[in-house]
C-alpha cells in the first residue's frame, strides 16, 4: 500500500506477484514524495522477495517508502489487521482473485475500502490456453474447475450488478510455448503438466490423447518469423470506481 504524505494521498495495493507491484511502486514514486505500502500474501517467500526489491529501490532512489507486510490469507487480513479498516486511494489484485472463496463478498469488501475517487485495479486471465484446454477437453481430471464462467466475466457482471463503473483493457501479451511441441524438452514436459494439471502428463497419457492435445494446442498458436510458437495470454486489466 502506498501513501503520498505530502499530498495527503493514501494508496493501498494487495500484492501477489512482486515484479508487478514493484513496477507500480517505481511509477508511484515518480509522482508522490512518500509512499505507504502494504503487501498481503500467504506465501512468505514471495513477500520476502518483494520486500528485498522494494527496500533496494527505496534506498537507491532515496524514496520515502513505509512498508507493512501481512503473511496470510486476504480473509485473515480483513478480520485481524487494523489496516483493513482504513480507506485507500488504490487497491490492486494481480492474478489473485481466482483464489478467493467468495468472489462477490471479497470484491464488495475491497470496493468498500476505497476512498472517494479511489480505484480498484484487478488483473485476470480470460480464455487463455489453460481455460480453453479444459473447456474443450473435458476428459482431463481438472476440467470441472473450468465449468463456470471465467473470473474475468464474473467480475465484470459483479461490477455492473452493484453499480460500479468499470474500464477494461485487454493486454497484448503472448506466451512462448515452443517447447511444448518438442518431445525431448524438459520445459515442454513442465508446460504440458501445467496446461493439463496432470503430473508427468507426456510420460503417462495415452498416445492418442497426447496427439489430440498437441493438435489442439497448435490451433491456438501462431508461428512468428523467428520460428517460435506463441499463444495469446488472454490477460485483462480491470479498473473499478464507485
C-alpha atoms as a PDB file:
ATOM      1  CA  UNK A   1       0.000   0.000   0.000  1.00  0.00           C
ATOM      2  CA  UNK A   2       1.262   3.440  -0.769  1.00  0.00           C
ATOM      3  CA  UNK A   3       0.874   6.829   0.800  1.00  0.00           C
ATOM      4  CA  UNK A   4       1.899  10.247  -0.540  1.00  0.00           C
ATOM      5  CA  UNK A   5       2.194  12.042   2.806  1.00  0.00           C
ATOM      6  CA  UNK A   6       2.984  15.458   1.328  1.00  0.00           C
ATOM      7  CA  UNK A   7      -0.131  15.359  -0.862  1.00  0.00           C
ATOM      8  CA  UNK A   8      -2.318  13.627   1.718  1.00  0.00           C
ATOM      9  CA  UNK A   9      -2.712  10.618  -0.562  1.00  0.00           C
ATOM     10  CA  UNK A  10      -3.022   7.008   0.626  1.00  0.00           C
ATOM     11  CA  UNK A  11      -2.587   4.247  -1.964  1.00  0.00           C
ATOM     12  CA  UNK A  12      -3.132   0.631  -0.975  1.00  0.00           C
ATOM     13  CA  UNK A  13      -2.013  -2.377  -3.070  1.00  0.00           C
ATOM     14  CA  UNK A  14      -2.615  -6.065  -2.361  1.00  0.00           C
ATOM     15  CA  UNK A  15       0.319  -7.919  -3.862  1.00  0.00           C
ATOM     16  CA  UNK A  16       0.530 -11.360  -5.391  1.00  0.00           C
ATOM     17  CA  UNK A  17       3.497 -11.129  -7.743  1.00  0.00           C
ATOM     18  CA  UNK A  18       6.338  -8.913  -6.588  1.00  0.00           C
ATOM     19  CA  UNK A  19       7.574  -7.886 -10.022  1.00  0.00           C
ATOM     20  CA  UNK A  20       4.243  -6.273 -10.947  1.00  0.00           C
ATOM     21  CA  UNK A  21       3.858  -4.420  -7.686  1.00  0.00           C
ATOM     22  CA  UNK A  22       7.457  -3.243  -7.726  1.00  0.00           C
ATOM     23  CA  UNK A  23       6.690  -1.807 -11.149  1.00  0.00           C
ATOM     24  CA  UNK A  24       3.742   0.044  -9.569  1.00  0.00           C
ATOM     25  CA  UNK A  25       5.922   1.367  -6.746  1.00  0.00           C
ATOM     26  CA  UNK A  26       8.533   2.722  -9.115  1.00  0.00           C
ATOM     27  CA  UNK A  27       5.923   4.671 -11.073  1.00  0.00           C
ATOM     28  CA  UNK A  28       4.135   5.868  -7.959  1.00  0.00           C
ATOM     29  CA  UNK A  29       7.472   7.010  -6.584  1.00  0.00           C
ATOM     30  CA  UNK A  30       7.915   9.295  -9.581  1.00  0.00           C
ATOM     31  CA  UNK A  31       4.671  11.117  -8.695  1.00  0.00           C
ATOM     32  CA  UNK A  32       4.476  11.046  -4.896  1.00  0.00           C
ATOM     33  CA  UNK A  33       7.002  12.257  -2.347  1.00  0.00           C
ATOM     34  CA  UNK A  34       6.214   9.442   0.080  1.00  0.00           C
ATOM     35  CA  UNK A  35       4.579   6.042  -0.308  1.00  0.00           C
ATOM     36  CA  UNK A  36       2.967   3.758   2.251  1.00  0.00           C
ATOM     37  CA  UNK A  37       2.869   0.211   1.005  1.00  0.00           C
ATOM     38  CA  UNK A  38       1.037  -2.819   2.428  1.00  0.00           C
ATOM     39  CA  UNK A  39       1.541  -6.267   0.921  1.00  0.00           C
ATOM     40  CA  UNK A  40      -0.762  -9.202   1.693  1.00  0.00           C
ATOM     41  CA  UNK A  41       0.100 -12.749   0.624  1.00  0.00           C
ATOM     42  CA  UNK A  42       0.019 -16.246   2.161  1.00  0.00           C
ATOM     43  CA  UNK A  43       3.355 -17.017   0.510  1.00  0.00           C
ATOM     44  CA  UNK A  44       6.062 -15.692   2.829  1.00  0.00           C
ATOM     45  CA  UNK A  45       8.742 -16.338   0.207  1.00  0.00           C
ATOM     46  CA  UNK A  46       7.044 -14.067  -2.332  1.00  0.00           C
ATOM     47  CA  UNK A  47       6.626 -11.359   0.266  1.00  0.00           C
ATOM     48  CA  UNK A  48      10.291 -11.587   1.213  1.00  0.00           C
ATOM     49  CA  UNK A  49      11.357 -11.206  -2.436  1.00  0.00           C
ATOM     50  CA  UNK A  50       9.114  -8.194  -2.827  1.00  0.00           C
ATOM     51  CA  UNK A  51      10.350  -6.701   0.444  1.00  0.00           C
ATOM     52  CA  UNK A  52      14.001  -7.008  -0.605  1.00  0.00           C
ATOM     53  CA  UNK A  53      13.307  -5.436  -4.004  1.00  0.00           C
ATOM     54  CA  UNK A  54      11.177  -2.642  -2.532  1.00  0.00           C
ATOM     55  CA  UNK A  55      13.809  -1.830   0.113  1.00  0.00           C
ATOM     56  CA  UNK A  56      16.532  -1.803  -2.542  1.00  0.00           C
ATOM     57  CA  UNK A  57      14.518   0.502  -4.782  1.00  0.00           C
ATOM     58  CA  UNK A  58      13.684   2.818  -1.872  1.00  0.00           C
ATOM     59  CA  UNK A  59      17.320   3.003  -0.788  1.00  0.00           C
ATOM     60  CA  UNK A  60      18.756   3.587  -4.264  1.00  0.00           C
ATOM     61  CA  UNK A  61      16.218   6.285  -5.096  1.00  0.00           C
ATOM     62  CA  UNK A  62      16.132   7.795  -1.609  1.00  0.00           C
ATOM     63  CA  UNK A  63      12.357   7.399  -1.707  1.00  0.00           C
ATOM     64  CA  UNK A  64      10.283   7.650   1.434  1.00  0.00           C
ATOM     65  CA  UNK A  65       8.592   4.263   1.396  1.00  0.00           C
ATOM     66  CA  UNK A  66       6.955   2.874   4.536  1.00  0.00           C
ATOM     67  CA  UNK A  67       6.032  -0.810   4.148  1.00  0.00           C
ATOM     68  CA  UNK A  68       3.813  -3.213   6.068  1.00  0.00           C
ATOM     69  CA  UNK A  69       3.745  -6.973   5.451  1.00  0.00           C
ATOM     70  CA  UNK A  70       0.955  -9.433   6.185  1.00  0.00           C
ATOM     71  CA  UNK A  71       1.627 -13.148   5.755  1.00  0.00           C
ATOM     72  CA  UNK A  72      -1.720 -14.889   5.421  1.00  0.00           C
ATOM     73  CA  UNK A  73      -4.968 -15.076   3.509  1.00  0.00           C
ATOM     74  CA  UNK A  74      -6.789 -11.920   2.476  1.00  0.00           C
ATOM     75  CA  UNK A  75      -9.769 -13.039   4.603  1.00  0.00           C
ATOM     76  CA  UNK A  76      -7.458 -13.165   7.644  1.00  0.00           C
ATOM     77  CA  UNK A  77      -6.200  -9.686   6.829  1.00  0.00           C
ATOM     78  CA  UNK A  78      -9.799  -8.444   6.693  1.00  0.00           C
ATOM     79  CA  UNK A  79     -10.584  -9.971  10.098  1.00  0.00           C
ATOM     80  CA  UNK A  80      -7.373  -9.334  12.003  1.00  0.00           C
ATOM     81  CA  UNK A  81      -5.450  -6.343  10.672  1.00  0.00           C
ATOM     82  CA  UNK A  82      -6.345  -2.778  11.730  1.00  0.00           C
ATOM     83  CA  UNK A  83      -5.164  -1.707   8.263  1.00  0.00           C
ATOM     84  CA  UNK A  84      -8.269  -3.376   6.810  1.00  0.00           C
ATOM     85  CA  UNK A  85     -10.346  -0.671   8.489  1.00  0.00           C
ATOM     86  CA  UNK A  86      -8.565   2.101   6.596  1.00  0.00           C
ATOM     87  CA  UNK A  87      -9.684   3.742   3.358  1.00  0.00           C
ATOM     88  CA  UNK A  88      -7.397   3.746   0.341  1.00  0.00           C
ATOM     89  CA  UNK A  89      -6.945   5.502  -2.969  1.00  0.00           C
ATOM     90  CA  UNK A  90      -5.862   2.365  -4.796  1.00  0.00           C
ATOM     91  CA  UNK A  91      -6.146  -1.367  -4.263  1.00  0.00           C
ATOM     92  CA  UNK A  92      -4.649  -3.825  -6.727  1.00  0.00           C
ATOM     93  CA  UNK A  93      -5.078  -7.578  -7.107  1.00  0.00           C
ATOM     94  CA  UNK A  94      -2.814  -9.123  -9.738  1.00  0.00           C
ATOM     95  CA  UNK A  95      -3.875 -12.671 -10.654  1.00  0.00           C
ATOM     96  CA  UNK A  96      -5.156 -13.271  -7.128  1.00  0.00           C
ATOM     97  CA  UNK A  97      -8.949 -13.053  -7.371  1.00  0.00           C
ATOM     98  CA  UNK A  98      -9.119 -16.667  -8.606  1.00  0.00           C
ATOM     99  CA  UNK A  99      -8.225 -17.818  -5.100  1.00  0.00           C
ATOM    100  CA  UNK A 100     -10.880 -16.040  -3.054  1.00  0.00           C
ATOM    101  CA  UNK A 101     -13.515 -18.296  -1.523  1.00  0.00           C
ATOM    102  CA  UNK A 102     -16.422 -15.938  -2.195  1.00  0.00           C
ATOM    103  CA  UNK A 103     -15.654 -13.711  -5.171  1.00  0.00           C
ATOM    104  CA  UNK A 104     -18.600 -11.347  -4.700  1.00  0.00           C
ATOM    105  CA  UNK A 105     -18.014 -10.915  -0.961  1.00  0.00           C
ATOM    106  CA  UNK A 106     -14.301 -10.189  -1.494  1.00  0.00           C
ATOM    107  CA  UNK A 107     -14.971  -7.779  -4.361  1.00  0.00           C
ATOM    108  CA  UNK A 108     -17.582  -5.802  -2.380  1.00  0.00           C
ATOM    109  CA  UNK A 109     -15.265  -5.657   0.656  1.00  0.00           C
ATOM    110  CA  UNK A 110     -12.385  -4.297  -1.412  1.00  0.00           C
ATOM    111  CA  UNK A 111     -14.621  -1.682  -3.028  1.00  0.00           C
ATOM    112  CA  UNK A 112     -15.836  -0.601   0.435  1.00  0.00           C
ATOM    113  CA  UNK A 113     -12.223   0.108   1.426  1.00  0.00           C
ATOM    114  CA  UNK A 114     -11.754   2.736  -1.294  1.00  0.00           C
ATOM    115  CA  UNK A 115     -11.696   6.443  -0.631  1.00  0.00           C
ATOM    116  CA  UNK A 116     -13.741   8.873  -2.678  1.00  0.00           C
ATOM    117  CA  UNK A 117     -12.439   8.654  -6.273  1.00  0.00           C
ATOM    118  CA  UNK A 118     -10.345   5.614  -5.340  1.00  0.00           C
ATOM    119  CA  UNK A 119      -9.751   2.794  -7.801  1.00  0.00           C
ATOM    120  CA  UNK A 120      -9.631  -0.991  -7.603  1.00  0.00           C
ATOM    121  CA  UNK A 121      -7.255  -2.464 -10.188  1.00  0.00           C
ATOM    122  CA  UNK A 122      -7.603  -6.174 -10.956  1.00  0.00           C
ATOM    123  CA  UNK A 123      -5.630  -8.279 -13.457  1.00  0.00           C
ATOM    124  CA  UNK A 124      -7.236 -11.529 -14.599  1.00  0.00           C
ATOM    125  CA  UNK A 125      -6.885 -14.051 -17.386  1.00  0.00           C
ATOM    126  CA  UNK A 126      -9.811 -14.852 -19.639  1.00  0.00           C
ATOM    127  CA  UNK A 127      -9.964 -17.519 -22.310  1.00  0.00           C
ATOM    128  CA  UNK A 128      -6.296 -18.408 -22.469  1.00  0.00           C
ATOM    129  CA  UNK A 129      -4.774 -21.749 -23.450  1.00  0.00           C
ATOM    130  CA  UNK A 130      -5.374 -23.251 -19.996  1.00  0.00           C
ATOM    131  CA  UNK A 131      -9.040 -22.333 -19.910  1.00  0.00           C
ATOM    132  CA  UNK A 132      -9.678 -23.452 -23.485  1.00  0.00           C
ATOM    133  CA  UNK A 133      -7.849 -26.743 -22.951  1.00  0.00           C
ATOM    134  CA  UNK A 134     -10.093 -27.757 -20.060  1.00  0.00           C
ATOM    135  CA  UNK A 135     -13.286 -26.461 -21.638  1.00  0.00           C
ATOM    136  CA  UNK A 136     -12.666 -28.372 -24.863  1.00  0.00           C
ATOM    137  CA  UNK A 137     -11.010 -31.500 -23.463  1.00  0.00           C
ATOM    138  CA  UNK A 138     -13.282 -32.495 -20.621  1.00  0.00           C
ATOM    139  CA  UNK A 139     -11.602 -35.872 -20.157  1.00  0.00           C
ATOM    140  CA  UNK A 140      -8.873 -34.080 -18.210  1.00  0.00           C
ATOM    141  CA  UNK A 141      -9.265 -34.549 -14.415  1.00  0.00           C
ATOM    142  CA  UNK A 142      -9.266 -30.846 -13.554  1.00  0.00           C
ATOM    143  CA  UNK A 143     -11.767 -29.797 -16.246  1.00  0.00           C
ATOM    144  CA  UNK A 144     -14.523 -29.399 -13.660  1.00  0.00           C
ATOM    145  CA  UNK A 145     -12.724 -26.308 -12.381  1.00  0.00           C
ATOM    146  CA  UNK A 146     -13.445 -24.567 -15.663  1.00  0.00           C
ATOM    147  CA  UNK A 147     -17.151 -25.319 -15.884  1.00  0.00           C
ATOM    148  CA  UNK A 148     -18.042 -21.850 -14.562  1.00  0.00           C
ATOM    149  CA  UNK A 149     -17.713 -18.550 -16.359  1.00  0.00           C
ATOM    150  CA  UNK A 150     -14.170 -17.122 -16.442  1.00  0.00           C
ATOM    151  CA  UNK A 151     -13.451 -14.926 -13.417  1.00  0.00           C
ATOM    152  CA  UNK A 152     -12.903 -12.006 -15.809  1.00  0.00           C
ATOM    153  CA  UNK A 153     -16.542 -12.245 -16.908  1.00  0.00           C
ATOM    154  CA  UNK A 154     -17.831 -12.831 -13.369  1.00  0.00           C
ATOM    155  CA  UNK A 155     -16.049  -9.754 -12.029  1.00  0.00           C
ATOM    156  CA  UNK A 156     -17.497  -7.586 -14.826  1.00  0.00           C
ATOM    157  CA  UNK A 157     -21.003  -8.799 -14.031  1.00  0.00           C
ATOM    158  CA  UNK A 158     -20.489  -8.094 -10.314  1.00  0.00           C
ATOM    159  CA  UNK A 159     -19.418  -4.514 -11.045  1.00  0.00           C
ATOM    160  CA  UNK A 160     -22.477  -3.851 -13.198  1.00  0.00           C
ATOM    161  CA  UNK A 161     -24.795  -5.533 -10.685  1.00  0.00           C
ATOM    162  CA  UNK A 162     -23.543  -3.288  -7.869  1.00  0.00           C
ATOM    163  CA  UNK A 163     -23.456  -0.071  -9.889  1.00  0.00           C
ATOM    164  CA  UNK A 164     -19.678   0.359 -10.074  1.00  0.00           C
ATOM    165  CA  UNK A 165     -18.023   1.942 -13.093  1.00  0.00           C
ATOM    166  CA  UNK A 166     -15.701  -0.398 -14.974  1.00  0.00           C
ATOM    167  CA  UNK A 167     -12.984   0.088 -17.574  1.00  0.00           C
ATOM    168  CA  UNK A 168     -11.207  -2.926 -19.084  1.00  0.00           C
ATOM    169  CA  UNK A 169      -8.173  -3.203 -21.329  1.00  0.00           C
ATOM    170  CA  UNK A 170      -7.049  -6.421 -22.997  1.00  0.00           C
ATOM    171  CA  UNK A 171      -3.279  -6.810 -22.838  1.00  0.00           C
ATOM    172  CA  UNK A 172      -1.388  -7.844 -25.951  1.00  0.00           C
ATOM    173  CA  UNK A 173       0.732 -10.437 -24.175  1.00  0.00           C
ATOM    174  CA  UNK A 174       1.728 -13.758 -25.703  1.00  0.00           C
ATOM    175  CA  UNK A 175       3.100 -16.923 -24.114  1.00  0.00           C
ATOM    176  CA  UNK A 176       6.037 -18.580 -25.865  1.00  0.00           C
ATOM    177  CA  UNK A 177       5.108 -22.286 -25.790  1.00  0.00           C
ATOM    178  CA  UNK A 178       7.560 -23.541 -28.401  1.00  0.00           C
ATOM    179  CA  UNK A 179       8.973 -26.195 -26.073  1.00  0.00           C
ATOM    180  CA  UNK A 180       5.523 -27.694 -25.731  1.00  0.00           C
ATOM    181  CA  UNK A 181       5.966 -29.204 -29.186  1.00  0.00           C
ATOM    182  CA  UNK A 182       9.467 -30.587 -28.526  1.00  0.00           C
ATOM    183  CA  UNK A 183       9.092 -34.078 -27.044  1.00  0.00           C
ATOM    184  CA  UNK A 184      12.682 -34.008 -25.785  1.00  0.00           C
ATOM    185  CA  UNK A 185      12.310 -30.711 -23.923  1.00  0.00           C
ATOM    186  CA  UNK A 186      12.170 -30.799 -20.115  1.00  0.00           C
ATOM    187  CA  UNK A 187      10.466 -27.414 -20.187  1.00  0.00           C
ATOM    188  CA  UNK A 188       7.942 -28.896 -22.625  1.00  0.00           C
ATOM    189  CA  UNK A 189       7.181 -31.611 -20.050  1.00  0.00           C
ATOM    190  CA  UNK A 190       6.533 -28.976 -17.415  1.00  0.00           C
ATOM    191  CA  UNK A 191       4.380 -26.903 -19.749  1.00  0.00           C
ATOM    192  CA  UNK A 192       2.190 -29.891 -20.604  1.00  0.00           C
ATOM    193  CA  UNK A 193       1.814 -30.677 -16.882  1.00  0.00           C
ATOM    194  CA  UNK A 194       0.892 -27.050 -16.228  1.00  0.00           C
ATOM    195  CA  UNK A 195      -1.678 -26.857 -19.019  1.00  0.00           C
ATOM    196  CA  UNK A 196      -3.341 -30.186 -18.230  1.00  0.00           C
ATOM    197  CA  UNK A 197      -2.822 -30.079 -14.434  1.00  0.00           C
ATOM    198  CA  UNK A 198      -1.640 -33.681 -14.659  1.00  0.00           C
ATOM    199  CA  UNK A 199       1.767 -34.685 -13.289  1.00  0.00           C
ATOM    200  CA  UNK A 200       4.079 -36.331 -15.843  1.00  0.00           C
ATOM    201  CA  UNK A 201       1.395 -35.981 -18.491  1.00  0.00           C
ATOM    202  CA  UNK A 202       3.609 -36.663 -21.512  1.00  0.00           C
ATOM    203  CA  UNK A 203       5.033 -39.775 -19.858  1.00  0.00           C
ATOM    204  CA  UNK A 204       1.733 -41.247 -18.684  1.00  0.00           C
ATOM    205  CA  UNK A 205      -1.060 -40.147 -21.036  1.00  0.00           C
ATOM    206  CA  UNK A 206      -2.239 -42.435 -23.868  1.00  0.00           C
ATOM    207  CA  UNK A 207      -0.560 -41.568 -27.205  1.00  0.00           C
ATOM    208  CA  UNK A 208      -3.870 -40.664 -28.862  1.00  0.00           C
ATOM    209  CA  UNK A 209      -4.668 -38.187 -26.076  1.00  0.00           C
ATOM    210  CA  UNK A 210      -1.251 -36.540 -26.399  1.00  0.00           C
ATOM    211  CA  UNK A 211      -1.600 -36.215 -30.180  1.00  0.00           C
ATOM    212  CA  UNK A 212      -5.097 -34.808 -29.830  1.00  0.00           C
ATOM    213  CA  UNK A 213      -3.937 -32.168 -27.352  1.00  0.00           C
ATOM    214  CA  UNK A 214      -0.857 -31.228 -29.360  1.00  0.00           C
ATOM    215  CA  UNK A 215      -3.034 -30.684 -32.411  1.00  0.00           C
ATOM    216  CA  UNK A 216      -5.441 -28.583 -30.360  1.00  0.00           C
ATOM    217  CA  UNK A 217      -2.633 -26.517 -28.837  1.00  0.00           C
ATOM    218  CA  UNK A 218      -1.150 -25.860 -32.282  1.00  0.00           C
ATOM    219  CA  UNK A 219      -4.528 -24.479 -33.376  1.00  0.00           C
ATOM    220  CA  UNK A 220      -4.274 -21.879 -30.586  1.00  0.00           C
ATOM    221  CA  UNK A 221      -0.767 -20.752 -31.585  1.00  0.00           C
ATOM    222  CA  UNK A 222       0.819 -18.676 -34.296  1.00  0.00           C
ATOM    223  CA  UNK A 223       4.350 -19.101 -35.533  1.00  0.00           C
ATOM    224  CA  UNK A 224       6.500 -15.990 -35.618  1.00  0.00           C
ATOM    225  CA  UNK A 225       9.207 -15.097 -38.080  1.00  0.00           C
ATOM    226  CA  UNK A 226      11.711 -16.420 -35.550  1.00  0.00           C
ATOM    227  CA  UNK A 227      10.068 -19.836 -35.669  1.00  0.00           C
ATOM    228  CA  UNK A 228       8.728 -19.590 -32.112  1.00  0.00           C
ATOM    229  CA  UNK A 229       5.183 -20.714 -31.290  1.00  0.00           C
ATOM    230  CA  UNK A 230       3.140 -18.229 -29.292  1.00  0.00           C
ATOM    231  CA  UNK A 231      -0.399 -18.021 -27.946  1.00  0.00           C
ATOM    232  CA  UNK A 232      -2.418 -15.141 -26.517  1.00  0.00           C
ATOM    233  CA  UNK A 233      -2.233 -14.906 -22.720  1.00  0.00           C
ATOM    234  CA  UNK A 234      -5.789 -13.552 -22.594  1.00  0.00           C
ATOM    235  CA  UNK A 235      -4.950 -11.129 -19.776  1.00  0.00           C
ATOM    236  CA  UNK A 236      -7.098  -8.124 -18.963  1.00  0.00           C
ATOM    237  CA  UNK A 237      -6.721  -5.153 -16.652  1.00  0.00           C
ATOM    238  CA  UNK A 238      -9.954  -4.046 -14.968  1.00  0.00           C
ATOM    239  CA  UNK A 239     -10.290  -0.665 -13.256  1.00  0.00           C
ATOM    240  CA  UNK A 240     -13.294  -0.187 -10.971  1.00  0.00           C
ATOM    241  CA  UNK A 241     -14.537   3.017  -9.395  1.00  0.00           C
ATOM    242  CA  UNK A 242     -17.539   3.834  -7.217  1.00  0.00           C
END
